[in-house]
Amino acid sequence: MGFDKEQVVVIQRAAALGDQLNAFQSEVKQFPGILSTTATRHLPGRSVDTNAYKPEGTSESEGYLVMAFTVGHDFVETLGIELAAGRSFSRDFSTDSSALIINEAAVEKFGWTDAVGKTIIEPDPEGPSVAQVIGVMKDFHFESLHDEIRPALLRLGTVPRFIAVRISGGDIPGTLAHLGKRWSELAPNQPFEYTFLDEDFDRLYRTDQRVGKIFGTFSVLGILVACLGLFGLASFSAEQRTKEIGIRKTLGASISNIILLLSKEFTTLVVISFLIASPLAYFAMSKWLQNFAYRTDIGILTFIAAGGLALLVAWFTVSYQSIKAALANPVEALKYE
């Protein structure tokens, strides 16, 4: 993903703390289970601002649409975003209030080779302002994997909506209780509401997860129906060939020979169905994967494993009837009409 979304608690309505926001962050960081915090207006997996920015070296008529994150100090550190060049925001530099951190996609879009130190003209209702790039962050997925990583930037802001808290994960209930206690003390009239960043981000894939569950359920039902059909066919085939099995055993055929005889025709059917299904499955899954800007490849090993599993299921299903027929008394089989 390009950032660490695990073990990050997202506290809602940060503005409810008012002037106590900095005090809340400072106090909760003293708790052993809390590693870092940041007050931010935007987070990955949620909507962000989109504005037209004019990077240094472009004409007055040129501009680029860039996804703009308004964040607080320690945003990069709390989310585990890696920097490719430059530095993060620091309280030691008062000029960082008009500084930017851009991602690698923005650097490529602007046609720059060394972005640190360059300037970008920001749109503003009161008039455009010039901001300096102090760092370049490695690309991270702030949207669904259905979408390509777009040019993005971070800028400092003073009106946060969330407080992101990275916790150690050792005692999650105790850490949440501590956060809730401090919240109640500093914002007694506001409820303490929180989510986890990984759960928020997973909401982007609810449709895919729902489709996966539906296909999984019908796949299991399909396999069960197929197994019932195979079991019925095996029973019918064994009954039809009772006398043949008896003659073969009388002439010296072993139990393994009889089992192989009865299983061979079902193996052929499974192989034929596999050869028909594989191209169709490859085509269908390739079309589905095209919905994702970043996707895996479908390798031949996937189909080999699926085919092998199908054979195992088929053999297991018909094995009872095959073994029963192979162990039958050949005398009784020869008397069978």
C-alpha atoms as a PDB file:
ATOM      1  CA  MET A   1       0.000   0.000   0.000  1.00  0.00           C
ATOM      2  CA  GLY A   2       2.938   2.344   0.479  1.00  0.00           C
ATOM      3  CA  PHE A   3       1.933   3.170   4.046  1.00  0.00           C
ATOM      4  CA  ASP A   4       1.163   1.243   7.229  1.00  0.00           C
ATOM      5  CA  LYS A   5      -2.603   1.176   7.841  1.00  0.00           C
ATOM      6  CA  GLU A   6      -2.457  -1.360  10.663  1.00  0.00           C
ATOM      7  CA  GLN A   7      -2.821  -0.383  14.333  1.00  0.00           C
ATOM      8  CA  VAL A   8      -3.951   3.186  13.568  1.00  0.00           C
ATOM      9  CA  VAL A   9      -6.939   4.463  15.558  1.00  0.00           C
ATOM     10  CA  VAL A  10      -8.900   7.254  13.861  1.00  0.00           C
ATOM     11  CA  ILE A  11     -10.718   9.488  16.377  1.00  0.00           C
ATOM     12  CA  GLN A  12     -13.654  11.323  14.835  1.00  0.00           C
ATOM     13  CA  ARG A  13     -14.578  15.018  15.203  1.00  0.00           C
ATOM     14  CA  ALA A  14     -11.208  16.318  16.332  1.00  0.00           C
ATOM     15  CA  ALA A  15     -12.552  19.874  16.188  1.00  0.00           C
ATOM     16  CA  ALA A  16     -14.694  19.083  19.269  1.00  0.00           C
ATOM     17  CA  LEU A  17     -11.540  19.406  21.386  1.00  0.00           C
ATOM     18  CA  GLY A  18     -11.128  23.030  20.352  1.00  0.00           C
ATOM     19  CA  ASP A  19      -8.166  24.639  22.123  1.00  0.00           C
ATOM     20  CA  GLN A  20      -7.496  21.372  23.966  1.00  0.00           C
ATOM     21  CA  LEU A  21      -6.379  19.560  20.794  1.00  0.00           C
ATOM     22  CA  ASN A  22      -2.652  19.985  21.383  1.00  0.00           C
ATOM     23  CA  ALA A  23      -3.047  19.138  25.055  1.00  0.00           C
ATOM     24  CA  PHE A  24      -4.889  15.930  24.162  1.00  0.00           C
ATOM     25  CA  GLN A  25      -2.160  14.860  21.759  1.00  0.00           C
ATOM     26  CA  SER A  26       0.625  15.673  24.190  1.00  0.00           C
ATOM     27  CA  GLU A  27      -1.013  13.832  27.076  1.00  0.00           C
ATOM     28  CA  VAL A  28      -1.992  10.649  25.247  1.00  0.00           C
ATOM     29  CA  LYS A  29       1.526  10.294  23.827  1.00  0.00           C
ATOM     30  CA  GLN A  30       2.754   9.743  27.362  1.00  0.00           C
ATOM     31  CA  PHE A  31       0.872   6.435  27.495  1.00  0.00           C
ATOM     32  CA  PRO A  32       3.196   3.463  26.753  1.00  0.00           C
ATOM     33  CA  GLY A  33       0.859   1.909  24.176  1.00  0.00           C
ATOM     34  CA  ILE A  34       0.742   5.034  21.980  1.00  0.00           C
ATOM     35  CA  LEU A  35       3.584   5.582  19.517  1.00  0.00           C
ATOM     36  CA  SER A  36       2.584   8.789  17.704  1.00  0.00           C
ATOM     37  CA  THR A  37      -0.392  11.017  16.871  1.00  0.00           C
ATOM     38  CA  THR A  38      -1.358  13.517  14.214  1.00  0.00           C
ATOM     39  CA  ALA A  39      -4.346  15.827  13.768  1.00  0.00           C
ATOM     40  CA  THR A  40      -5.426  15.852  10.141  1.00  0.00           C
ATOM     41  CA  ARG A  41      -8.248  16.851   7.860  1.00  0.00           C
ATOM     42  CA  HIS A  42      -7.660  14.095   5.301  1.00  0.00           C
ATOM     43  CA  LEU A  43      -6.743  10.418   5.477  1.00  0.00           C
ATOM     44  CA  PRO A  44      -6.159   7.661   2.891  1.00  0.00           C
ATOM     45  CA  GLY A  45      -9.373   5.963   1.865  1.00  0.00           C
ATOM     46  CA  ARG A  46     -11.448   9.117   2.295  1.00  0.00           C
ATOM     47  CA  SER A  47     -12.221  12.002  -0.032  1.00  0.00           C
ATOM     48  CA  VAL A  48      -9.595  14.709  -0.422  1.00  0.00           C
ATOM     49  CA  ASP A  49      -9.445  18.127  -2.048  1.00  0.00           C
ATOM     50  CA  THR A  50      -8.529  18.486  -5.712  1.00  0.00           C
ATOM     51  CA  ASN A  51      -7.063  21.769  -6.949  1.00  0.00           C
ATOM     52  CA  ALA A  52      -5.169  23.083  -9.947  1.00  0.00           C
ATOM     53  CA  TYR A  53      -1.525  23.811  -9.116  1.00  0.00           C
ATOM     54  CA  LYS A  54       1.108  25.529 -11.245  1.00  0.00           C
ATOM     55  CA  PRO A  55       4.576  24.090 -10.688  1.00  0.00           C
ATOM     56  CA  GLU A  56       7.731  26.066 -11.266  1.00  0.00           C
ATOM     57  CA  GLY A  57       8.743  26.150 -14.914  1.00  0.00           C
ATOM     58  CA  THR A  58       5.238  26.115 -16.391  1.00  0.00           C
ATOM     59  CA  SER A  59       3.491  28.926 -18.222  1.00  0.00           C
ATOM     60  CA  GLU A  60       0.647  31.003 -16.801  1.00  0.00           C
ATOM     61  CA  SER A  61      -1.933  29.014 -18.751  1.00  0.00           C
ATOM     62  CA  GLU A  62      -0.689  25.638 -17.557  1.00  0.00           C
ATOM     63  CA  GLY A  63      -1.880  23.857 -14.441  1.00  0.00           C
ATOM     64  CA  TYR A  64      -2.147  20.347 -13.044  1.00  0.00           C
ATOM     65  CA  LEU A  65      -4.908  18.773 -11.013  1.00  0.00           C
ATOM     66  CA  VAL A  66      -3.379  17.500  -7.776  1.00  0.00           C
ATOM     67  CA  MET A  67      -4.951  15.652  -4.835  1.00  0.00           C
ATOM     68  CA  ALA A  68      -4.319  17.880  -1.804  1.00  0.00           C
ATOM     69  CA  PHE A  69      -4.112  16.451   1.729  1.00  0.00           C
ATOM     70  CA  THR A  70      -4.432  18.991   4.527  1.00  0.00           C
ATOM     71  CA  VAL A  71      -2.582  17.377   7.426  1.00  0.00           C
ATOM     72  CA  GLY A  72      -0.840  18.117  10.709  1.00  0.00           C
ATOM     73  CA  HIS A  73       2.664  17.575  12.005  1.00  0.00           C
ATOM     74  CA  ASP A  74       3.778  13.935  12.302  1.00  0.00           C
ATOM     75  CA  PHE A  75       1.335  12.807   9.586  1.00  0.00           C
ATOM     76  CA  VAL A  76       4.116  11.153   7.564  1.00  0.00           C
ATOM     77  CA  GLU A  77       5.564   9.455  10.634  1.00  0.00           C
ATOM     78  CA  THR A  78       2.224   8.261  12.054  1.00  0.00           C
ATOM     79  CA  LEU A  79       1.124   6.654   8.794  1.00  0.00           C
ATOM     80  CA  GLY A  80       4.551   5.217   8.029  1.00  0.00           C
ATOM     81  CA  ILE A  81       4.918   6.971   4.663  1.00  0.00           C
ATOM     82  CA  GLU A  82       8.446   6.752   3.273  1.00  0.00           C
ATOM     83  CA  LEU A  83      10.269   9.789   1.953  1.00  0.00           C
ATOM     84  CA  ALA A  84      12.229   9.538  -1.270  1.00  0.00           C
ATOM     85  CA  ALA A  85      13.906  12.922  -0.849  1.00  0.00           C
ATOM     86  CA  GLY A  86      13.920  15.946   1.436  1.00  0.00           C
ATOM     87  CA  ARG A  87      12.278  16.022   4.855  1.00  0.00           C
ATOM     88  CA  SER A  88       8.923  15.918   6.598  1.00  0.00           C
ATOM     89  CA  PHE A  89       7.137  18.827   8.275  1.00  0.00           C
ATOM     90  CA  SER A  90       8.869  20.048  11.420  1.00  0.00           C
ATOM     91  CA  ARG A  91       7.830  22.319  14.254  1.00  0.00           C
ATOM     92  CA  ASP A  92      11.348  23.737  14.174  1.00  0.00           C
ATOM     93  CA  PHE A  93      10.645  25.487  10.862  1.00  0.00           C
ATOM     94  CA  SER A  94       7.977  28.199  10.992  1.00  0.00           C
ATOM     95  CA  THR A  95       8.122  28.453   7.193  1.00  0.00           C
ATOM     96  CA  ASP A  96       6.626  24.942   6.896  1.00  0.00           C
ATOM     97  CA  SER A  97       3.175  26.523   7.129  1.00  0.00           C
ATOM     98  CA  SER A  98       3.610  27.356   3.442  1.00  0.00           C
ATOM     99  CA  ALA A  99       5.612  24.243   2.503  1.00  0.00           C
ATOM    100  CA  LEU A 100       4.547  21.168   0.550  1.00  0.00           C
ATOM    101  CA  ILE A 101       5.468  17.506   0.354  1.00  0.00           C
ATOM    102  CA  ILE A 102       4.603  15.944  -2.992  1.00  0.00           C
ATOM    103  CA  ASN A 103       4.540  12.339  -4.147  1.00  0.00           C
ATOM    104  CA  GLU A 104       6.592  10.711  -6.889  1.00  0.00           C
ATOM    105  CA  ALA A 105       3.611  10.740  -9.262  1.00  0.00           C
ATOM    106  CA  ALA A 106       3.498  14.541  -8.998  1.00  0.00           C
ATOM    107  CA  VAL A 107       7.243  14.810  -9.649  1.00  0.00           C
ATOM    108  CA  GLU A 108       6.828  12.737 -12.792  1.00  0.00           C
ATOM    109  CA  LYS A 109       3.761  14.716 -13.861  1.00  0.00           C
ATOM    110  CA  PHE A 110       5.587  18.019 -13.449  1.00  0.00           C
ATOM    111  CA  GLY A 111       8.583  16.735 -15.412  1.00  0.00           C
ATOM    112  CA  TRP A 112      11.019  17.422 -12.576  1.00  0.00           C
ATOM    113  CA  THR A 113      14.141  15.454 -11.694  1.00  0.00           C
ATOM    114  CA  ASP A 114      14.960  17.164  -8.397  1.00  0.00           C
ATOM    115  CA  ALA A 115      11.820  18.521  -6.757  1.00  0.00           C
ATOM    116  CA  VAL A 116      13.152  19.629  -3.368  1.00  0.00           C
ATOM    117  CA  GLY A 117      13.478  23.415  -3.266  1.00  0.00           C
ATOM    118  CA  LYS A 118      11.216  24.079  -6.234  1.00  0.00           C
ATOM    119  CA  THR A 119       8.063  26.161  -5.891  1.00  0.00           C
ATOM    120  CA  ILE A 120       4.413  25.608  -6.701  1.00  0.00           C
ATOM    121  CA  ILE A 121       1.713  28.254  -7.037  1.00  0.00           C
ATOM    122  CA  GLU A 122      -1.278  27.323  -4.881  1.00  0.00           C
ATOM    123  CA  PRO A 123      -4.814  28.525  -5.601  1.00  0.00           C
ATOM    124  CA  ASP A 124      -6.381  30.615  -2.855  1.00  0.00           C
ATOM    125  CA  PRO A 125      -9.643  32.614  -2.626  1.00  0.00           C
ATOM    126  CA  GLU A 126      -7.637  35.597  -1.397  1.00  0.00           C
ATOM    127  CA  GLY A 127      -5.107  35.262  -4.192  1.00  0.00           C
ATOM    128  CA  PRO A 128      -2.565  32.650  -5.301  1.00  0.00           C
ATOM    129  CA  SER A 129       0.366  31.930  -3.007  1.00  0.00           C
ATOM    130  CA  VAL A 130       3.772  30.370  -3.594  1.00  0.00           C
ATOM    131  CA  ALA A 131       4.748  27.264  -1.642  1.00  0.00           C
ATOM    132  CA  GLN A 132       8.095  25.501  -1.572  1.00  0.00           C
ATOM    133  CA  VAL A 133       8.558  21.766  -1.877  1.00  0.00           C
ATOM    134  CA  ILE A 134      10.503  20.471   1.121  1.00  0.00           C
ATOM    135  CA  GLY A 135      10.133  16.731   0.514  1.00  0.00           C
ATOM    136  CA  VAL A 136       9.126  13.986  -1.869  1.00  0.00           C
ATOM    137  CA  MET A 137       7.213  11.011  -0.488  1.00  0.00           C
ATOM    138  CA  LYS A 138       7.132   7.645  -2.165  1.00  0.00           C
ATOM    139  CA  ASP A 139       3.867   6.838  -3.907  1.00  0.00           C
ATOM    140  CA  PHE A 140       1.234   5.308  -1.639  1.00  0.00           C
ATOM    141  CA  HIS A 141      -2.303   4.159  -2.346  1.00  0.00           C
ATOM    142  CA  PHE A 142      -4.623   6.760  -0.864  1.00  0.00           C
ATOM    143  CA  GLU A 143      -7.464   5.520  -3.070  1.00  0.00           C
ATOM    144  CA  SER A 144      -8.738   2.090  -4.022  1.00  0.00           C
ATOM    145  CA  LEU A 145      -6.468  -0.216  -6.005  1.00  0.00           C
ATOM    146  CA  HIS A 146      -9.048   0.153  -8.762  1.00  0.00           C
ATOM    147  CA  ASP A 147      -7.429   3.552  -9.455  1.00  0.00           C
ATOM    148  CA  GLU A 148      -3.920   4.553 -10.455  1.00  0.00           C
ATOM    149  CA  ILE A 149      -1.890   6.614  -8.000  1.00  0.00           C
ATOM    150  CA  ARG A 150      -2.498  10.231  -8.918  1.00  0.00           C
ATOM    151  CA  PRO A 151      -0.315  13.284  -8.227  1.00  0.00           C
ATOM    152  CA  ALA A 152      -0.771  14.295  -4.595  1.00  0.00           C
ATOM    153  CA  LEU A 153       0.668  16.678  -2.041  1.00  0.00           C
ATOM    154  CA  LEU A 154       0.601  17.303   1.684  1.00  0.00           C
ATOM    155  CA  ARG A 155       0.159  20.737   3.203  1.00  0.00           C
ATOM    156  CA  LEU A 156      -0.160  21.829   6.817  1.00  0.00           C
ATOM    157  CA  GLY A 157      -3.583  22.913   8.033  1.00  0.00           C
ATOM    158  CA  THR A 158      -5.163  24.094  11.279  1.00  0.00           C
ATOM    159  CA  VAL A 159      -8.739  22.765  11.003  1.00  0.00           C
ATOM    160  CA  PRO A 160      -8.488  18.997  11.535  1.00  0.00           C
ATOM    161  CA  ARG A 161     -11.356  16.514  11.320  1.00  0.00           C
ATOM    162  CA  PHE A 162      -9.562  13.462  12.705  1.00  0.00           C
ATOM    163  CA  ILE A 163      -6.842  12.466  15.122  1.00  0.00           C
ATOM    164  CA  ALA A 164      -4.854   9.489  13.883  1.00  0.00           C
ATOM    165  CA  VAL A 165      -3.158   7.588  16.696  1.00  0.00           C
ATOM    166  CA  ARG A 166      -0.629   4.822  16.046  1.00  0.00           C
ATOM    167  CA  ILE A 167      -0.721   2.264  18.830  1.00  0.00           C
ATOM    168  CA  SER A 168       1.634  -0.588  19.638  1.00  0.00           C
ATOM    169  CA  GLY A 169      -1.070  -3.260  19.590  1.00  0.00           C
ATOM    170  CA  GLY A 170       0.071  -4.898  22.810  1.00  0.00           C
ATOM    171  CA  ASP A 171      -2.963  -3.878  24.884  1.00  0.00           C
ATOM    172  CA  ILE A 172      -5.538  -2.473  22.477  1.00  0.00           C
ATOM    173  CA  PRO A 173      -8.496  -2.394  24.948  1.00  0.00           C
ATOM    174  CA  GLY A 174      -6.350  -0.633  27.559  1.00  0.00           C
ATOM    175  CA  THR A 175      -5.045   1.883  25.018  1.00  0.00           C
ATOM    176  CA  LEU A 176      -8.558   2.651  23.752  1.00  0.00           C
ATOM    177  CA  ALA A 177      -9.764   3.056  27.325  1.00  0.00           C
ATOM    178  CA  HIS A 178      -6.958   5.539  27.991  1.00  0.00           C
ATOM    179  CA  LEU A 179      -7.821   7.537  24.869  1.00  0.00           C
ATOM    180  CA  GLY A 180     -11.494   7.569  25.834  1.00  0.00           C
ATOM    181  CA  LYS A 181     -10.699   8.714  29.360  1.00  0.00           C
ATOM    182  CA  ARG A 182      -8.550  11.637  28.222  1.00  0.00           C
ATOM    183  CA  TRP A 183     -11.175  12.586  25.628  1.00  0.00           C
ATOM    184  CA  SER A 184     -13.912  12.639  28.270  1.00  0.00           C
ATOM    185  CA  GLU A 185     -11.810  14.885  30.481  1.00  0.00           C
ATOM    186  CA  LEU A 186     -11.035  17.423  27.750  1.00  0.00           C
ATOM    187  CA  ALA A 187     -14.332  17.211  25.799  1.00  0.00           C
ATOM    188  CA  PRO A 188     -16.888  16.055  28.411  1.00  0.00           C
ATOM    189  CA  ASN A 189     -19.933  16.928  26.318  1.00  0.00           C
ATOM    190  CA  GLN A 190     -18.789  15.091  23.196  1.00  0.00           C
ATOM    191  CA  PRO A 191     -18.922  11.296  22.711  1.00  0.00           C
ATOM    192  CA  PHE A 192     -15.679   9.456  22.035  1.00  0.00           C
ATOM    193  CA  GLU A 193     -16.017   7.867  18.590  1.00  0.00           C
ATOM    194  CA  TYR A 194     -13.284   6.027  16.752  1.00  0.00           C
ATOM    195  CA  THR A 195     -12.576   3.592  13.935  1.00  0.00           C
ATOM    196  CA  PHE A 196      -9.474   1.773  12.727  1.00  0.00           C
ATOM    197  CA  LEU A 197      -7.767   3.003   9.569  1.00  0.00           C
ATOM    198  CA  ASP A 198      -7.473  -0.477   8.050  1.00  0.00           C
ATOM    199  CA  GLU A 199     -11.227  -1.024   8.511  1.00  0.00           C
ATOM    200  CA  ASP A 200     -11.976   2.348   6.921  1.00  0.00           C
ATOM    201  CA  PHE A 201      -9.770   1.510   3.963  1.00  0.00           C
ATOM    202  CA  ASP A 202     -11.326  -1.943   3.574  1.00  0.00           C
ATOM    203  CA  ARG A 203     -14.702  -0.303   2.955  1.00  0.00           C
ATOM    204  CA  LEU A 204     -13.399   0.592  -0.500  1.00  0.00           C
ATOM    205  CA  TYR A 205     -13.549  -3.106  -1.347  1.00  0.00           C
ATOM    206  CA  ARG A 206     -16.926  -4.026   0.135  1.00  0.00           C
ATOM    207  CA  THR A 207     -18.407  -4.657  -3.304  1.00  0.00           C
ATOM    208  CA  ASP A 208     -15.498  -6.923  -4.247  1.00  0.00           C
ATOM    209  CA  GLN A 209     -15.781  -8.749  -0.918  1.00  0.00           C
ATOM    210  CA  ARG A 210     -19.528  -9.187  -1.369  1.00  0.00           C
ATOM    211  CA  VAL A 211     -19.041 -10.594  -4.867  1.00  0.00           C
ATOM    212  CA  GLY A 212     -16.321 -12.894  -3.518  1.00  0.00           C
ATOM    213  CA  LYS A 213     -18.653 -14.263  -0.830  1.00  0.00           C
ATOM    214  CA  ILE A 214     -21.444 -14.832  -3.366  1.00  0.00           C
ATOM    215  CA  PHE A 215     -19.139 -16.674  -5.758  1.00  0.00           C
ATOM    216  CA  GLY A 216     -17.617 -18.633  -2.881  1.00  0.00           C
ATOM    217  CA  THR A 217     -21.036 -19.754  -1.647  1.00  0.00           C
ATOM    218  CA  PHE A 218     -22.226 -20.835  -5.088  1.00  0.00           C
ATOM    219  CA  SER A 219     -18.893 -22.549  -5.750  1.00  0.00           C
ATOM    220  CA  VAL A 220     -19.325 -24.680  -2.629  1.00  0.00           C
ATOM    221  CA  LEU A 221     -22.911 -25.509  -3.618  1.00  0.00           C
ATOM    222  CA  GLY A 222     -21.760 -26.348  -7.143  1.00  0.00           C
ATOM    223  CA  ILE A 223     -19.039 -28.663  -5.837  1.00  0.00           C
ATOM    224  CA  LEU A 224     -21.514 -30.444  -3.533  1.00  0.00           C
ATOM    225  CA  VAL A 225     -24.001 -30.963  -6.373  1.00  0.00           C
ATOM    226  CA  ALA A 226     -21.195 -32.219  -8.628  1.00  0.00           C
ATOM    227  CA  CYS A 227     -20.020 -34.637  -5.929  1.00  0.00           C
ATOM    228  CA  LEU A 228     -23.537 -36.006  -5.514  1.00  0.00           C
ATOM    229  CA  GLY A 229     -23.723 -36.520  -9.258  1.00  0.00           C
ATOM    230  CA  LEU A 230     -20.345 -38.244  -9.324  1.00  0.00           C
ATOM    231  CA  PHE A 231     -21.325 -40.483  -6.441  1.00  0.00           C
ATOM    232  CA  GLY A 232     -24.513 -41.482  -8.243  1.00  0.00           C
ATOM    233  CA  LEU A 233     -22.627 -42.172 -11.479  1.00  0.00           C
ATOM    234  CA  ALA A 234     -20.040 -44.237  -9.614  1.00  0.00           C
ATOM    235  CA  SER A 235     -22.770 -46.307  -7.967  1.00  0.00           C
ATOM    236  CA  PHE A 236     -24.501 -46.867 -11.292  1.00  0.00           C
ATOM    237  CA  SER A 237     -21.260 -47.733 -13.093  1.00  0.00           C
ATOM    238  CA  ALA A 238     -20.207 -50.198 -10.384  1.00  0.00           C
ATOM    239  CA  GLU A 239     -23.571 -51.912 -10.517  1.00  0.00           C
ATOM    240  CA  GLN A 240     -23.526 -52.139 -14.322  1.00  0.00           C
ATOM    241  CA  ARG A 241     -20.058 -53.693 -14.309  1.00  0.00           C
ATOM    242  CA  THR A 242     -20.523 -56.094 -11.407  1.00  0.00           C
ATOM    243  CA  LYS A 243     -20.079 -59.229 -13.501  1.00  0.00           C
ATOM    244  CA  GLU A 244     -17.114 -57.735 -15.382  1.00  0.00           C
ATOM    245  CA  ILE A 245     -15.439 -56.937 -12.065  1.00  0.00           C
ATOM    246  CA  GLY A 246     -16.037 -60.492 -10.862  1.00  0.00           C
ATOM    247  CA  ILE A 247     -14.488 -61.987 -14.018  1.00  0.00           C
ATOM    248  CA  ARG A 248     -11.484 -59.672 -13.801  1.00  0.00           C
ATOM    249  CA  LYS A 249     -10.895 -60.619 -10.163  1.00  0.00           C
ATOM    250  CA  THR A 250     -11.227 -64.313 -11.010  1.00  0.00           C
ATOM    251  CA  LEU A 251      -8.598 -63.880 -13.721  1.00  0.00           C
ATOM    252  CA  GLY A 252      -6.192 -62.292 -11.209  1.00  0.00           C
ATOM    253  CA  ALA A 253      -6.936 -58.576 -11.261  1.00  0.00           C
ATOM    254  CA  SER A 254      -5.829 -56.868  -8.038  1.00  0.00           C
ATOM    255  CA  ILE A 255      -7.913 -54.496  -5.946  1.00  0.00           C
ATOM    256  CA  SER A 256      -5.854 -51.537  -7.212  1.00  0.00           C
ATOM    257  CA  ASN A 257      -6.555 -52.617 -10.811  1.00  0.00           C
ATOM    258  CA  ILE A 258     -10.298 -52.648 -10.152  1.00  0.00           C
ATOM    259  CA  ILE A 259     -10.217 -49.245  -8.409  1.00  0.00           C
ATOM    260  CA  LEU A 260      -8.199 -47.788 -11.296  1.00  0.00           C
ATOM    261  CA  LEU A 261     -10.657 -49.295 -13.816  1.00  0.00           C
ATOM    262  CA  LEU A 262     -13.657 -47.643 -12.185  1.00  0.00           C
ATOM    263  CA  SER A 263     -11.900 -44.337 -11.522  1.00  0.00           C
ATOM    264  CA  LYS A 264     -10.429 -43.981 -14.999  1.00  0.00           C
ATOM    265  CA  GLU A 265     -13.635 -42.915 -16.756  1.00  0.00           C
ATOM    266  CA  PHE A 266     -14.380 -40.269 -14.128  1.00  0.00           C
ATOM    267  CA  THR A 267     -10.812 -38.995 -14.375  1.00  0.00           C
ATOM    268  CA  THR A 268     -11.319 -38.575 -18.114  1.00  0.00           C
ATOM    269  CA  LEU A 269     -14.514 -36.595 -17.527  1.00  0.00           C
ATOM    270  CA  VAL A 270     -12.794 -34.298 -15.032  1.00  0.00           C
ATOM    271  CA  VAL A 271      -9.865 -33.700 -17.398  1.00  0.00           C
ATOM    272  CA  ILE A 272     -12.239 -32.845 -20.261  1.00  0.00           C
ATOM    273  CA  SER A 273     -14.219 -30.443 -18.051  1.00  0.00           C
ATOM    274  CA  PHE A 274     -10.940 -28.884 -16.869  1.00  0.00           C
ATOM    275  CA  LEU A 275      -9.822 -28.262 -20.450  1.00  0.00           C
ATOM    276  CA  ILE A 276     -13.156 -26.592 -21.196  1.00  0.00           C
ATOM    277  CA  ALA A 277     -13.355 -24.551 -17.984  1.00  0.00           C
ATOM    278  CA  SER A 278      -9.773 -23.260 -17.840  1.00  0.00           C
ATOM    279  CA  PRO A 279      -9.920 -20.914 -20.876  1.00  0.00           C
ATOM    280  CA  LEU A 280     -13.326 -19.631 -19.769  1.00  0.00           C
ATOM    281  CA  ALA A 281     -12.053 -19.002 -16.216  1.00  0.00           C
ATOM    282  CA  TYR A 282      -8.917 -17.291 -17.517  1.00  0.00           C
ATOM    283  CA  PHE A 283     -10.963 -15.003 -19.763  1.00  0.00           C
ATOM    284  CA  ALA A 284     -13.490 -14.140 -17.016  1.00  0.00           C
ATOM    285  CA  MET A 285     -10.865 -13.441 -14.357  1.00  0.00           C
ATOM    286  CA  SER A 286      -8.723 -11.414 -16.754  1.00  0.00           C
ATOM    287  CA  LYS A 287     -11.736  -9.205 -17.506  1.00  0.00           C
ATOM    288  CA  TRP A 288     -12.435  -8.782 -13.772  1.00  0.00           C
ATOM    289  CA  LEU A 289      -8.822  -7.914 -12.970  1.00  0.00           C
ATOM    290  CA  GLN A 290      -8.928  -5.153 -15.565  1.00  0.00           C
ATOM    291  CA  ASN A 291     -11.068  -3.219 -13.071  1.00  0.00           C
ATOM    292  CA  PHE A 292      -7.911  -2.734 -10.989  1.00  0.00           C
ATOM    293  CA  ALA A 293      -5.120  -0.354 -11.969  1.00  0.00           C
ATOM    294  CA  TYR A 294      -2.713  -2.537  -9.959  1.00  0.00           C
ATOM    295  CA  ARG A 295      -3.320  -6.236 -10.292  1.00  0.00           C
ATOM    296  CA  THR A 296      -1.696  -9.629 -10.140  1.00  0.00           C
ATOM    297  CA  ASP A 297      -1.121 -11.940 -13.078  1.00  0.00           C
ATOM    298  CA  ILE A 298      -2.937 -15.235 -13.455  1.00  0.00           C
ATOM    299  CA  GLY A 299      -0.254 -17.898 -13.677  1.00  0.00           C
ATOM    300  CA  ILE A 300      -0.508 -21.436 -14.995  1.00  0.00           C
ATOM    301  CA  LEU A 301       0.198 -22.810 -11.506  1.00  0.00           C
ATOM    302  CA  THR A 302      -3.218 -21.533 -10.394  1.00  0.00           C
ATOM    303  CA  PHE A 303      -4.944 -23.688 -12.996  1.00  0.00           C
ATOM    304  CA  ILE A 304      -2.717 -26.694 -12.325  1.00  0.00           C
ATOM    305  CA  ALA A 305      -3.581 -26.476  -8.628  1.00  0.00           C
ATOM    306  CA  ALA A 306      -7.290 -26.097  -9.387  1.00  0.00           C
ATOM    307  CA  GLY A 307      -7.221 -29.071 -11.776  1.00  0.00           C
ATOM    308  CA  GLY A 308      -5.353 -31.212  -9.265  1.00  0.00           C
ATOM    309  CA  LEU A 309      -7.832 -30.301  -6.535  1.00  0.00           C
ATOM    310  CA  ALA A 310     -10.760 -31.143  -8.824  1.00  0.00           C
ATOM    311  CA  LEU A 311      -9.243 -34.578  -9.491  1.00  0.00           C
ATOM    312  CA  LEU A 312      -8.734 -35.194  -5.769  1.00  0.00           C
ATOM    313  CA  VAL A 313     -12.357 -34.270  -5.040  1.00  0.00           C
ATOM    314  CA  ALA A 314     -13.569 -36.563  -7.826  1.00  0.00           C
ATOM    315  CA  TRP A 315     -11.388 -39.494  -6.715  1.00  0.00           C
ATOM    316  CA  PHE A 316     -12.444 -39.048  -3.095  1.00  0.00           C
ATOM    317  CA  THR A 317     -16.107 -38.990  -4.137  1.00  0.00           C
ATOM    318  CA  VAL A 318     -15.983 -42.205  -6.209  1.00  0.00           C
ATOM    319  CA  SER A 319     -13.473 -43.986  -3.989  1.00  0.00           C
ATOM    320  CA  TYR A 320     -16.139 -45.496  -1.706  1.00  0.00           C
ATOM    321  CA  GLN A 321     -17.987 -47.229  -4.550  1.00  0.00           C
ATOM    322  CA  SER A 322     -14.747 -48.235  -6.275  1.00  0.00           C
ATOM    323  CA  ILE A 323     -13.301 -49.824  -3.130  1.00  0.00           C
ATOM    324  CA  LYS A 324     -16.634 -51.488  -2.298  1.00  0.00           C
ATOM    325  CA  ALA A 325     -16.803 -53.052  -5.776  1.00  0.00           C
ATOM    326  CA  ALA A 326     -13.145 -54.097  -5.674  1.00  0.00           C
ATOM    327  CA  LEU A 327     -13.555 -55.849  -2.315  1.00  0.00           C
ATOM    328  CA  ALA A 328     -16.758 -57.678  -3.307  1.00  0.00           C
ATOM    329  CA  ASN A 329     -16.714 -61.488  -3.453  1.00  0.00           C
ATOM    330  CA  PRO A 330     -16.124 -62.477  -7.097  1.00  0.00           C
ATOM    331  CA  VAL A 331     -18.357 -65.518  -6.667  1.00  0.00           C
ATOM    332  CA  GLU A 332     -21.276 -63.311  -5.757  1.00  0.00           C
ATOM    333  CA  ALA A 333     -20.425 -61.034  -8.677  1.00  0.00           C
ATOM    334  CA  LEU A 334     -20.461 -63.927 -11.158  1.00  0.00           C
ATOM    335  CA  LYS A 335     -23.938 -64.931  -9.943  1.00  0.00           C
ATOM    336  CA  TYR A 336     -25.160 -61.343 -10.455  1.00  0.00           C
ATOM    337  CA  GLU A 337     -27.857 -60.913 -13.065  1.00  0.00           C
END
